[in-house]
Amino acid sequence: MKKLRKRIKIWTTSRADKEFSLYIRSRDKICQRCKRGKLQVKLDCSHFWSRNRSSTRYNEFNCICLCRGCHYRWEWEKAGEYMEFMKKRLGQKKYKELYKLAHSSIPRREAIMNLMSWLNK
């Protein structure tokens, strides 16, 4: 007798990005820098460690909600004001853990499967 395996369809990177961005923007609701909300400005999901790092691409501690203006400003401030904000937000221990994770490697497919499991979708 054959066992039936439930096959799940793994999201594309584009779908995973959209779902994760929606989660972060729903979680934070306002720009974490200037405190303006979605009724005043367009909100983005900002990645402290770059999106090209699959290990932290879908990590909720790596991302915050920023308005477009603040996102643009902080994109070039990752070693300055943005870093200090993240250290304060996370605490030194969690920041170091995120740093280590950002400098590790996992396949994108695995990161997406982890996200799907985490979001229960």
Protein backbone atom coordinates (compact mmCIF):
# COMPACT_ATOMS: atom_id res chain seq x y z
CA MET A 1 0.00 0.00 0.00
CA LYS A 2 1.40 3.37 -1.03
CA LYS A 3 1.63 6.17 1.47
CA LEU A 4 0.07 9.38 0.30
CA ARG A 5 2.31 12.37 0.73
CA LYS A 6 0.83 15.77 1.01
CA ARG A 7 2.73 17.97 -1.39
CA ILE A 8 2.83 21.63 -0.60
CA LYS A 9 3.57 24.24 -3.19
CA ILE A 10 6.56 26.35 -2.18
CA TRP A 11 6.06 30.06 -2.73
CA THR A 12 8.13 32.01 -5.19
CA THR A 13 10.50 34.60 -3.76
CA SER A 14 8.15 37.32 -4.99
CA ARG A 15 5.17 35.81 -3.14
CA ALA A 16 7.22 35.24 0.03
CA ASP A 17 8.45 38.85 -0.09
CA LYS A 18 4.87 40.17 -0.40
CA GLU A 19 3.54 38.01 2.44
CA PHE A 20 6.45 38.91 4.73
CA SER A 21 6.24 42.63 3.93
CA LEU A 22 2.53 42.61 4.72
CA TYR A 23 3.25 40.90 8.05
CA ILE A 24 5.90 43.49 9.05
CA ARG A 25 3.75 46.46 8.01
CA SER A 26 0.75 45.01 9.88
CA ARG A 27 2.89 44.34 12.94
CA ASP A 28 4.45 47.81 13.21
CA LYS A 29 1.63 49.92 11.68
CA ILE A 30 3.72 53.14 11.75
CA CYS A 31 7.16 54.27 10.64
CA GLN A 32 9.53 53.24 13.40
CA ARG A 33 11.70 56.33 12.80
CA CYS A 34 9.33 59.28 12.37
CA LYS A 35 6.17 57.63 13.81
CA ARG A 36 3.92 58.60 10.88
CA GLY A 37 1.20 56.10 9.93
CA LYS A 38 -0.17 54.67 6.69
CA LEU A 39 -2.80 57.40 6.44
CA GLN A 40 0.00 59.98 6.11
CA VAL A 41 2.71 58.12 4.18
CA LYS A 42 3.48 54.97 2.17
CA LEU A 43 5.03 52.34 4.45
CA ASP A 44 7.76 49.86 3.47
CA CYS A 45 9.28 46.78 5.05
CA SER A 46 12.92 47.74 5.66
CA HIS A 47 15.59 45.04 5.98
CA PHE A 48 18.53 46.01 8.19
CA TRP A 49 20.66 43.19 6.80
CA SER A 50 20.22 43.14 3.03
CA ARG A 51 17.51 41.09 1.34
CA ASN A 52 20.20 39.23 -0.59
CA ARG A 53 20.98 37.30 2.62
CA SER A 54 18.45 34.46 2.68
CA SER A 55 19.31 33.71 6.29
CA THR A 56 17.76 37.00 7.47
CA ARG A 57 15.52 37.94 4.54
CA TYR A 58 12.40 36.69 6.34
CA ASN A 59 13.54 37.25 9.91
CA GLU A 60 11.14 39.47 11.85
CA PHE A 61 13.96 40.85 14.02
CA ASN A 62 15.83 42.03 10.91
CA CYS A 63 12.93 44.10 9.59
CA ILE A 64 10.98 47.16 10.62
CA CYS A 65 8.34 49.35 9.06
CA LEU A 66 9.62 52.65 7.66
CA CYS A 67 7.98 55.33 5.55
CA ARG A 68 9.52 55.84 2.12
CA GLY A 69 11.44 58.94 3.18
CA CYS A 70 12.95 57.34 6.29
CA HIS A 71 13.63 54.11 4.38
CA TYR A 72 15.58 56.05 1.75
CA ARG A 73 17.56 57.97 4.42
CA TRP A 74 18.40 54.92 6.52
CA GLU A 75 19.29 52.74 3.53
CA TRP A 76 22.59 54.65 3.45
CA GLU A 77 22.95 54.79 7.26
CA LYS A 78 23.28 51.09 8.09
CA ALA A 79 26.57 51.68 9.90
CA GLY A 80 25.27 54.76 11.71
CA GLU A 81 21.88 55.86 13.01
CA TYR A 82 20.05 52.77 11.71
CA MET A 83 22.53 50.42 13.43
CA GLU A 84 22.20 52.27 16.72
CA PHE A 85 18.41 52.12 16.45
CA MET A 86 18.50 48.35 15.82
CA LYS A 87 20.91 47.73 18.71
CA LYS A 88 18.64 49.65 21.04
CA ARG A 89 15.50 47.96 19.70
CA LEU A 90 16.90 44.42 19.89
CA GLY A 91 19.34 44.70 22.76
CA GLN A 92 23.01 43.78 22.45
CA LYS A 93 22.51 40.00 22.79
CA LYS A 94 19.74 39.74 20.14
CA TYR A 95 21.65 42.08 17.83
CA LYS A 96 24.73 39.82 18.01
CA GLU A 97 22.57 36.76 17.30
CA LEU A 98 21.09 38.52 14.26
CA TYR A 99 24.60 39.51 13.11
CA LYS A 100 25.74 35.88 13.27
CA LEU A 101 22.65 34.71 11.44
CA ALA A 102 23.14 37.35 8.73
CA HIS A 103 26.66 36.05 8.17
CA SER A 104 25.56 32.45 7.83
CA SER A 105 24.08 30.83 4.76
CA ILE A 106 20.86 28.99 4.08
CA PRO A 107 19.24 28.24 0.72
CA ARG A 108 16.43 30.60 -0.32
CA ARG A 109 14.02 27.65 -0.69
CA GLU A 110 14.65 26.69 2.95
CA ALA A 111 14.12 30.29 4.08
CA ILE A 112 10.80 30.42 2.22
CA MET A 113 9.67 27.09 3.68
CA ASN A 114 10.53 28.37 7.17
CA LEU A 115 8.50 31.53 6.50
CA MET A 116 5.51 29.53 5.25
CA SER A 117 5.63 27.36 8.34
CA TRP A 118 6.05 30.37 10.63
CA LEU A 119 3.10 32.22 9.05
CA ASN A 120 1.11 28.93 8.99
CA LYS A 121 0.24 29.22 5.30
